[in-house]
PDB file of N, CA and C in Angstrom:
ATOM      1  N   UNK A   1       0.777  -1.190   0.035  1.00  0.00           N
ATOM      2  CA  UNK A   1      -0.005  -0.020   0.004  1.00  0.00           C
ATOM      3  C   UNK A   1       0.840   1.338  -0.360  1.00  0.00           C
ATOM      4  N   UNK A   2       0.283   2.392  -0.634  1.00  0.00           N
ATOM      5  CA  UNK A   2       1.358   3.415  -0.607  1.00  0.00           C
ATOM      6  C   UNK A   2       0.681   4.329   0.423  1.00  0.00           C
ATOM      7  N   UNK A   3       1.579   4.822   1.125  1.00  0.00           N
ATOM      8  CA  UNK A   3       1.225   5.288   2.487  1.00  0.00           C
ATOM      9  C   UNK A   3       1.419   6.736   2.377  1.00  0.00           C
ATOM     10  N   UNK A   4       2.312   7.201   1.597  1.00  0.00           N
ATOM     11  CA  UNK A   4       2.613   8.754   1.582  1.00  0.00           C
ATOM     12  C   UNK A   4       1.623   9.811   0.628  1.00  0.00           C
ATOM     13  N   UNK A   5       0.995   9.083  -0.076  1.00  0.00           N
ATOM     14  CA  UNK A   5      -0.254   9.917  -0.708  1.00  0.00           C
ATOM     15  C   UNK A   5      -1.435   9.970   0.243  1.00  0.00           C
ATOM     16  N   UNK A   6      -1.617   8.868   1.154  1.00  0.00           N
ATOM     17  CA  UNK A   6      -2.775   8.568   1.968  1.00  0.00           C
ATOM     18  C   UNK A   6      -2.185   9.743   3.033  1.00  0.00           C
ATOM     19  N   UNK A   7      -1.118   9.696   3.813  1.00  0.00           N
ATOM     20  CA  UNK A   7      -0.806  10.696   4.479  1.00  0.00           C
ATOM     21  C   UNK A   7      -1.278  11.921   4.547  1.00  0.00           C
ATOM     22  N   UNK A   8      -0.857  12.481   2.639  1.00  0.00           N
ATOM     23  CA  UNK A   8      -1.196  13.571   2.916  1.00  0.00           C
ATOM     24  C   UNK A   8      -2.824  13.928   2.638  1.00  0.00           C
ATOM     25  N   UNK A   9      -3.609  12.971   2.241  1.00  0.00           N
ATOM     26  CA  UNK A   9      -4.802  13.138   2.102  1.00  0.00           C
ATOM     27  C   UNK A   9      -5.814  13.071   3.610  1.00  0.00           C
ATOM     28  N   UNK A  10      -4.888  12.395   4.272  1.00  0.00           N
ATOM     29  CA  UNK A  10      -5.480  12.668   5.622  1.00  0.00           C
ATOM     30  C   UNK A  10      -4.963  13.748   6.214  1.00  0.00           C
ATOM     31  N   UNK A  11      -3.930  14.482   6.091  1.00  0.00           N
ATOM     32  CA  UNK A  11      -3.397  15.814   6.699  1.00  0.00           C
ATOM     33  C   UNK A  11      -4.425  16.411   5.951  1.00  0.00           C
ATOM     34  N   UNK A  12      -4.819  16.862   4.441  1.00  0.00           N
ATOM     35  CA  UNK A  12      -5.337  17.532   3.453  1.00  0.00           C
ATOM     36  C   UNK A  12      -7.114  17.729   4.625  1.00  0.00           C
ATOM     37  N   UNK A  13      -7.548  16.088   4.871  1.00  0.00           N
ATOM     38  CA  UNK A  13      -8.954  16.119   5.718  1.00  0.00           C
ATOM     39  C   UNK A  13      -9.025  16.651   6.883  1.00  0.00           C
ATOM     40  N   UNK A  14      -7.803  16.576   7.706  1.00  0.00           N
ATOM     41  CA  UNK A  14      -7.904  17.143   8.731  1.00  0.00           C
ATOM     42  C   UNK A  14      -7.927  18.642   9.001  1.00  0.00           C
ATOM     43  N   UNK A  15      -7.269  19.412   7.942  1.00  0.00           N
ATOM     44  CA  UNK A  15      -7.190  20.702   7.608  1.00  0.00           C
ATOM     45  C   UNK A  15      -8.306  21.305   7.340  1.00  0.00           C
ATOM     46  N   UNK A  16      -8.973  20.557   6.413  1.00  0.00           N
ATOM     47  CA  UNK A  16     -10.601  21.089   6.025  1.00  0.00           C
ATOM     48  C   UNK A  16     -11.585  21.052   7.012  1.00  0.00           C
ATOM     49  N   UNK A  17     -11.108  20.134   8.114  1.00  0.00           N
ATOM     50  CA  UNK A  17     -12.108  19.927   9.098  1.00  0.00           C
ATOM     51  C   UNK A  17     -12.009  20.851  10.330  1.00  0.00           C
ATOM     52  N   UNK A  18     -10.832  20.839  10.504  1.00  0.00           N
ATOM     53  CA  UNK A  18     -10.466  21.662  11.560  1.00  0.00           C
ATOM     54  C   UNK A  18     -10.788  23.494  11.351  1.00  0.00           C
ATOM     55  N   UNK A  19     -10.308  23.941  10.170  1.00  0.00           N
ATOM     56  CA  UNK A  19     -10.238  25.280   9.982  1.00  0.00           C
ATOM     57  C   UNK A  19     -11.933  25.699   8.813  1.00  0.00           C
ATOM     58  N   UNK A  20     -12.086  24.564   8.801  1.00  0.00           N
ATOM     59  CA  UNK A  20     -13.556  25.093   7.952  1.00  0.00           C
ATOM     60  C   UNK A  20     -13.713  25.375   6.456  1.00  0.00           C
ATOM     61  N   UNK A  21     -12.351  25.447   5.927  1.00  0.00           N
ATOM     62  CA  UNK A  21     -12.477  26.018   4.664  1.00  0.00           C
ATOM     63  C   UNK A  21     -12.002  24.711   3.277  1.00  0.00           C
ATOM     64  N   UNK A  22     -13.062  24.930   2.625  1.00  0.00           N
ATOM     65  CA  UNK A  22     -12.797  23.708   1.646  1.00  0.00           C
ATOM     66  C   UNK A  22     -11.626  23.651   0.627  1.00  0.00           C
ATOM     67  N   UNK A  23     -11.018  24.894   0.722  1.00  0.00           N
ATOM     68  CA  UNK A  23      -9.602  25.267  -0.049  1.00  0.00           C
ATOM     69  C   UNK A  23      -8.625  25.094   0.949  1.00  0.00           C
ATOM     70  N   UNK A  24      -7.791  23.886   0.814  1.00  0.00           N
ATOM     71  CA  UNK A  24      -6.538  23.397   1.385  1.00  0.00           C
ATOM     72  C   UNK A  24      -5.183  23.436   0.431  1.00  0.00           C
ATOM     73  N   UNK A  25      -4.230  24.330   0.952  1.00  0.00           N
ATOM     74  CA  UNK A  25      -2.654  24.227   0.663  1.00  0.00           C
ATOM     75  C   UNK A  25      -1.934  23.841   1.216  1.00  0.00           C
ATOM     76  N   UNK A  26      -1.027  22.772   0.550  1.00  0.00           N
ATOM     77  CA  UNK A  26      -0.268  22.221   1.265  1.00  0.00           C
ATOM     78  C   UNK A  26       0.889  22.714   1.182  1.00  0.00           C
ATOM     79  N   UNK A  27       2.192  23.092   2.186  1.00  0.00           N
ATOM     80  CA  UNK A  27       3.635  23.941   1.756  1.00  0.00           C
ATOM     81  C   UNK A  27       4.315  22.863   1.188  1.00  0.00           C
ATOM     82  N   UNK A  28       5.135  22.805   0.447  1.00  0.00           N
ATOM     83  CA  UNK A  28       5.946  22.266  -0.753  1.00  0.00           C
ATOM     84  C   UNK A  28       7.132  21.362   0.583  1.00  0.00           C
ATOM     85  N   UNK A  29       7.428  21.998   1.750  1.00  0.00           N
ATOM     86  CA  UNK A  29       8.213  21.311   2.730  1.00  0.00           C
ATOM     87  C   UNK A  29       7.266  20.682   3.392  1.00  0.00           C
ATOM     88  N   UNK A  30       6.080  20.477   3.851  1.00  0.00           N
ATOM     89  CA  UNK A  30       5.475  19.725   4.365  1.00  0.00           C
ATOM     90  C   UNK A  30       5.618  18.632   3.683  1.00  0.00           C
ATOM     91  N   UNK A  31       5.354  18.316   2.095  1.00  0.00           N
ATOM     92  CA  UNK A  31       5.229  17.694   0.943  1.00  0.00           C
ATOM     93  C   UNK A  31       6.387  16.980   0.988  1.00  0.00           C
ATOM     94  N   UNK A  32       7.297  17.251   1.071  1.00  0.00           N
ATOM     95  CA  UNK A  32       9.100  17.215   1.116  1.00  0.00           C
ATOM     96  C   UNK A  32       9.234  16.365   2.555  1.00  0.00           C
ATOM     97  N   UNK A  33       8.637  16.539   3.695  1.00  0.00           N
ATOM     98  CA  UNK A  33       9.056  16.217   4.934  1.00  0.00           C
ATOM     99  C   UNK A  33       8.259  14.733   5.052  1.00  0.00           C
ATOM    100  N   UNK A  34       6.571  14.430   4.083  1.00  0.00           N
ATOM    101  CA  UNK A  34       6.220  13.415   4.181  1.00  0.00           C
ATOM    102  C   UNK A  34       6.578  12.430   3.446  1.00  0.00           C
ATOM    103  N   UNK A  35       6.925  13.013   2.179  1.00  0.00           N
ATOM    104  CA  UNK A  35       8.119  11.934   1.377  1.00  0.00           C
ATOM    105  C   UNK A  35       9.242  11.161   1.529  1.00  0.00           C
ATOM    106  N   UNK A  36      10.071  11.911   2.451  1.00  0.00           N
ATOM    107  CA  UNK A  36      11.587  11.601   2.470  1.00  0.00           C
ATOM    108  C   UNK A  36      12.021  10.533   2.663  1.00  0.00           C
ATOM    109  N   UNK A  37      11.147   9.579   3.657  1.00  0.00           N
ATOM    110  CA  UNK A  37      11.298   8.426   3.777  1.00  0.00           C
ATOM    111  C   UNK A  37      10.937   7.290   2.555  1.00  0.00           C
ATOM    112  N   UNK A  38      10.387   7.900   1.678  1.00  0.00           N
ATOM    113  CA  UNK A  38       9.752   7.230   0.449  1.00  0.00           C
ATOM    114  C   UNK A  38       8.036   7.231   0.568  1.00  0.00           C
ATOM    115  N   UNK A  39       7.794   6.385  -0.433  1.00  0.00           N
ATOM    116  CA  UNK A  39       6.323   6.109  -0.182  1.00  0.00           C
ATOM    117  C   UNK A  39       6.003   5.476   0.849  1.00  0.00           C
ATOM    118  N   UNK A  40       6.479   4.401   1.452  1.00  0.00           N
ATOM    119  CA  UNK A  40       6.113   3.374   1.958  1.00  0.00           C
ATOM    120  C   UNK A  40       6.463   3.702   3.802  1.00  0.00           C
ATOM    121  N   UNK A  41       7.657   4.474   3.832  1.00  0.00           N
ATOM    122  CA  UNK A  41       8.127   4.236   5.334  1.00  0.00           C
ATOM    123  C   UNK A  41       7.717   5.968   5.758  1.00  0.00           C
ATOM    124  N   UNK A  42       6.727   6.082   6.000  1.00  0.00           N
ATOM    125  CA  UNK A  42       6.112   7.388   6.294  1.00  0.00           C
ATOM    126  C   UNK A  42       6.230   7.332   7.785  1.00  0.00           C
ATOM    127  N   UNK A  43       6.324   8.547   8.272  1.00  0.00           N
ATOM    128  CA  UNK A  43       6.442   9.457  10.051  1.00  0.00           C
ATOM    129  C   UNK A  43       5.205   8.838  10.221  1.00  0.00           C
ATOM    130  N   UNK A  44       5.127   8.574  11.741  1.00  0.00           N
ATOM    131  CA  UNK A  44       3.780   8.231  12.734  1.00  0.00           C
ATOM    132  C   UNK A  44       3.319   9.410  12.528  1.00  0.00           C
ATOM    133  N   UNK A  45       3.719  10.384  13.041  1.00  0.00           N
ATOM    134  CA  UNK A  45       3.773  11.693  13.506  1.00  0.00           C
ATOM    135  C   UNK A  45       4.273  12.903  13.188  1.00  0.00           C
ATOM    136  N   UNK A  46       3.843  14.135  12.759  1.00  0.00           N
ATOM    137  CA  UNK A  46       4.069  15.137  12.238  1.00  0.00           C
ATOM    138  C   UNK A  46       3.478  16.363  12.590  1.00  0.00           C
ATOM    139  N   UNK A  47       4.453  17.661  12.915  1.00  0.00           N
ATOM    140  CA  UNK A  47       3.843  18.860  13.795  1.00  0.00           C
ATOM    141  C   UNK A  47       3.693  19.598  12.567  1.00  0.00           C
ATOM    142  N   UNK A  48       2.292  20.320  12.209  1.00  0.00           N
ATOM    143  CA  UNK A  48       2.138  21.211  11.246  1.00  0.00           C
ATOM    144  C   UNK A  48       1.515  21.900  12.014  1.00  0.00           C
ATOM    145  N   UNK A  49       1.287  23.453  11.207  1.00  0.00           N
ATOM    146  CA  UNK A  49       0.619  24.456  11.772  1.00  0.00           C
ATOM    147  C   UNK A  49      -0.287  25.064  10.392  1.00  0.00           C
ATOM    148  N   UNK A  50      -1.316  24.837  11.096  1.00  0.00           N
ATOM    149  CA  UNK A  50      -2.346  25.458  10.073  1.00  0.00           C
ATOM    150  C   UNK A  50      -2.960  27.285  10.379  1.00  0.00           C
ATOM    151  N   UNK A  51      -3.298  27.397   9.086  1.00  0.00           N
ATOM    152  CA  UNK A  51      -3.301  29.045   9.155  1.00  0.00           C
ATOM    153  C   UNK A  51      -4.162  29.348   8.074  1.00  0.00           C
ATOM    154  N   UNK A  52      -4.915  30.100   8.412  1.00  0.00           N
ATOM    155  CA  UNK A  52      -6.109  30.755   7.753  1.00  0.00           C
ATOM    156  C   UNK A  52      -5.781  31.841   7.045  1.00  0.00           C
ATOM    157  N   UNK A  53      -6.305  32.072   5.554  1.00  0.00           N
ATOM    158  CA  UNK A  53      -5.475  33.101   4.865  1.00  0.00           C
ATOM    159  C   UNK A  53      -6.591  33.734   3.532  1.00  0.00           C
ATOM    160  N   UNK A  54      -6.421  34.729   3.184  1.00  0.00           N
ATOM    161  CA  UNK A  54      -7.736  35.368   2.250  1.00  0.00           C
ATOM    162  C   UNK A  54      -7.291  35.155   1.283  1.00  0.00           C
ATOM    163  N   UNK A  55      -7.867  34.811   0.304  1.00  0.00           N
ATOM    164  CA  UNK A  55      -7.774  34.145  -1.007  1.00  0.00           C
ATOM    165  C   UNK A  55      -7.412  35.474  -1.968  1.00  0.00           C
ATOM    166  N   UNK A  56      -6.243  35.471  -2.683  1.00  0.00           N
ATOM    167  CA  UNK A  56      -6.061  36.117  -3.563  1.00  0.00           C
ATOM    168  C   UNK A  56      -6.614  36.254  -4.840  1.00  0.00           C
ATOM    169  N   UNK A  57      -6.836  35.069  -4.939  1.00  0.00           N
ATOM    170  CA  UNK A  57      -7.384  34.749  -6.763  1.00  0.00           C
ATOM    171  C   UNK A  57      -9.051  35.127  -6.678  1.00  0.00           C
ATOM    172  N   UNK A  58      -9.014  36.214  -7.493  1.00  0.00           N
ATOM    173  CA  UNK A  58     -10.444  36.684  -7.617  1.00  0.00           C
ATOM    174  C   UNK A  58     -11.578  35.529  -8.225  1.00  0.00           C
ATOM    175  N   UNK A  59     -11.066  34.769  -9.065  1.00  0.00           N
ATOM    176  CA  UNK A  59     -11.547  33.647  -9.603  1.00  0.00           C
ATOM    177  C   UNK A  59     -12.295  32.714  -8.910  1.00  0.00           C
ATOM    178  N   UNK A  60     -11.687  32.208  -7.622  1.00  0.00           N
ATOM    179  CA  UNK A  60     -12.249  31.317  -6.591  1.00  0.00           C
ATOM    180  C   UNK A  60     -13.423  31.904  -5.902  1.00  0.00           C
ATOM    181  N   UNK A  61     -14.158  30.473  -5.632  1.00  0.00           N
ATOM    182  CA  UNK A  61     -15.414  30.859  -5.216  1.00  0.00           C
ATOM    183  C   UNK A  61     -15.004  30.883  -3.662  1.00  0.00           C
ATOM    184  N   UNK A  62     -14.356  30.329  -3.180  1.00  0.00           N
ATOM    185  CA  UNK A  62     -13.764  30.593  -1.729  1.00  0.00           C
ATOM    186  C   UNK A  62     -13.101  31.975  -1.217  1.00  0.00           C
ATOM    187  N   UNK A  63     -13.545  32.466  -0.470  1.00  0.00           N
ATOM    188  CA  UNK A  63     -12.895  33.804   0.233  1.00  0.00           C
ATOM    189  C   UNK A  63     -11.675  33.612   1.136  1.00  0.00           C
ATOM    190  N   UNK A  64     -11.705  32.397   2.037  1.00  0.00           N
ATOM    191  CA  UNK A  64     -10.370  31.961   2.674  1.00  0.00           C
ATOM    192  C   UNK A  64      -9.734  30.591   2.114  1.00  0.00           C
ATOM    193  N   UNK A  65      -8.870  30.668   2.297  1.00  0.00           N
ATOM    194  CA  UNK A  65      -8.251  29.082   2.261  1.00  0.00           C
ATOM    195  C   UNK A  65      -7.203  28.861   3.484  1.00  0.00           C
ATOM    196  N   UNK A  66      -7.149  27.544   3.674  1.00  0.00           N
ATOM    197  CA  UNK A  66      -5.989  26.909   4.698  1.00  0.00           C
ATOM    198  C   UNK A  66      -4.516  27.038   4.280  1.00  0.00           C
ATOM    199  N   UNK A  67      -3.792  27.300   5.043  1.00  0.00           N
ATOM    200  CA  UNK A  67      -2.091  26.800   4.465  1.00  0.00           C
ATOM    201  C   UNK A  67      -1.448  26.148   5.413  1.00  0.00           C
ATOM    202  N   UNK A  68      -1.144  24.957   5.067  1.00  0.00           N
ATOM    203  CA  UNK A  68      -0.638  23.765   6.024  1.00  0.00           C
ATOM    204  C   UNK A  68       0.709  23.864   5.937  1.00  0.00           C
ATOM    205  N   UNK A  69       1.508  24.334   6.936  1.00  0.00           N
ATOM    206  CA  UNK A  69       2.761  24.278   7.002  1.00  0.00           C
ATOM    207  C   UNK A  69       3.774  23.346   7.975  1.00  0.00           C
ATOM    208  N   UNK A  70       4.833  22.691   7.971  1.00  0.00           N
ATOM    209  CA  UNK A  70       5.707  21.962   8.291  1.00  0.00           C
ATOM    210  C   UNK A  70       6.514  22.663   9.472  1.00  0.00           C
ATOM    211  N   UNK A  71       6.411  22.319  10.694  1.00  0.00           N
ATOM    212  CA  UNK A  71       6.909  22.569  11.800  1.00  0.00           C
ATOM    213  C   UNK A  71       7.982  21.411  12.100  1.00  0.00           C
ATOM    214  N   UNK A  72       9.513  21.847  11.932  1.00  0.00           N
ATOM    215  CA  UNK A  72      10.205  20.849  12.376  1.00  0.00           C
ATOM    216  C   UNK A  72      10.511  20.837  13.648  1.00  0.00           C
ATOM    217  N   UNK A  73      10.573  19.722  14.427  1.00  0.00           N
ATOM    218  CA  UNK A  73      10.524  19.321  15.890  1.00  0.00           C
ATOM    219  C   UNK A  73      11.654  18.160  16.675  1.00  0.00           C
ATOM    220  N   UNK A  74      12.525  18.544  17.346  1.00  0.00           N
ATOM    221  CA  UNK A  74      13.534  17.070  17.621  1.00  0.00           C
ATOM    222  C   UNK A  74      12.392  16.102  18.633  1.00  0.00           C
ATOM    223  N   UNK A  75      11.637  16.373  19.358  1.00  0.00           N
ATOM    224  CA  UNK A  75      10.705  15.244  19.805  1.00  0.00           C
ATOM    225  C   UNK A  75       9.501  15.975  20.162  1.00  0.00           C
ATOM    226  N   UNK A  76       8.513  14.878  20.589  1.00  0.00           N
ATOM    227  CA  UNK A  76       6.793  15.341  20.228  1.00  0.00           C
ATOM    228  C   UNK A  76       6.538  15.193  21.609  1.00  0.00           C
ATOM    229  N   UNK A  77       7.550  15.477  23.198  1.00  0.00           N
ATOM    230  CA  UNK A  77       6.794  15.525  24.414  1.00  0.00           C
ATOM    231  C   UNK A  77       6.806  16.862  24.451  1.00  0.00           C
ATOM    232  N   UNK A  78       5.690  17.313  25.287  1.00  0.00           N
ATOM    233  CA  UNK A  78       5.705  18.554  26.060  1.00  0.00           C
ATOM    234  C   UNK A  78       5.056  19.532  24.587  1.00  0.00           C
ATOM    235  N   UNK A  79       4.541  19.222  23.719  1.00  0.00           N
ATOM    236  CA  UNK A  79       4.198  20.071  22.825  1.00  0.00           C
ATOM    237  C   UNK A  79       2.990  20.935  22.938  1.00  0.00           C
ATOM    238  N   UNK A  80       2.378  21.869  22.937  1.00  0.00           N
ATOM    239  CA  UNK A  80       1.121  22.773  23.247  1.00  0.00           C
ATOM    240  C   UNK A  80       0.756  23.356  21.923  1.00  0.00           C
ATOM    241  N   UNK A  81      -0.470  23.419  22.020  1.00  0.00           N
ATOM    242  CA  UNK A  81      -0.893  24.191  21.070  1.00  0.00           C
ATOM    243  C   UNK A  81      -0.613  25.741  20.678  1.00  0.00           C
ATOM    244  N   UNK A  82      -0.283  26.414  19.741  1.00  0.00           N
ATOM    245  CA  UNK A  82      -0.314  27.980  19.747  1.00  0.00           C
ATOM    246  C   UNK A  82      -1.044  28.571  19.119  1.00  0.00           C
ATOM    247  N   UNK A  83      -1.717  29.873  19.711  1.00  0.00           N
ATOM    248  CA  UNK A  83      -2.499  30.530  18.809  1.00  0.00           C
ATOM    249  C   UNK A  83      -1.741  31.936  18.389  1.00  0.00           C
ATOM    250  N   UNK A  84      -2.413  31.979  16.920  1.00  0.00           N
ATOM    251  CA  UNK A  84      -1.295  33.280  16.448  1.00  0.00           C
ATOM    252  C   UNK A  84      -0.317  33.230  15.769  1.00  0.00           C
TER     253      UNK A  84
END
């Protein structure tokens, strides 16, 4: 089974659900981090930051979009959510 595309799809679904915007943009650094170990050896956890932005594209039906960026961390212990 190909896990990297599925992981990106799950990140996309999570961002859409949490931020309430159907338009989700995934940063290239996040894409490279997911694909870093290949298609099958995907990390179990990854730290991402979600930010809602105004859409500059006039043709888009959505006013807002969600940008999902990668946050590199050394350990996943004692992580807390940040607002802002």
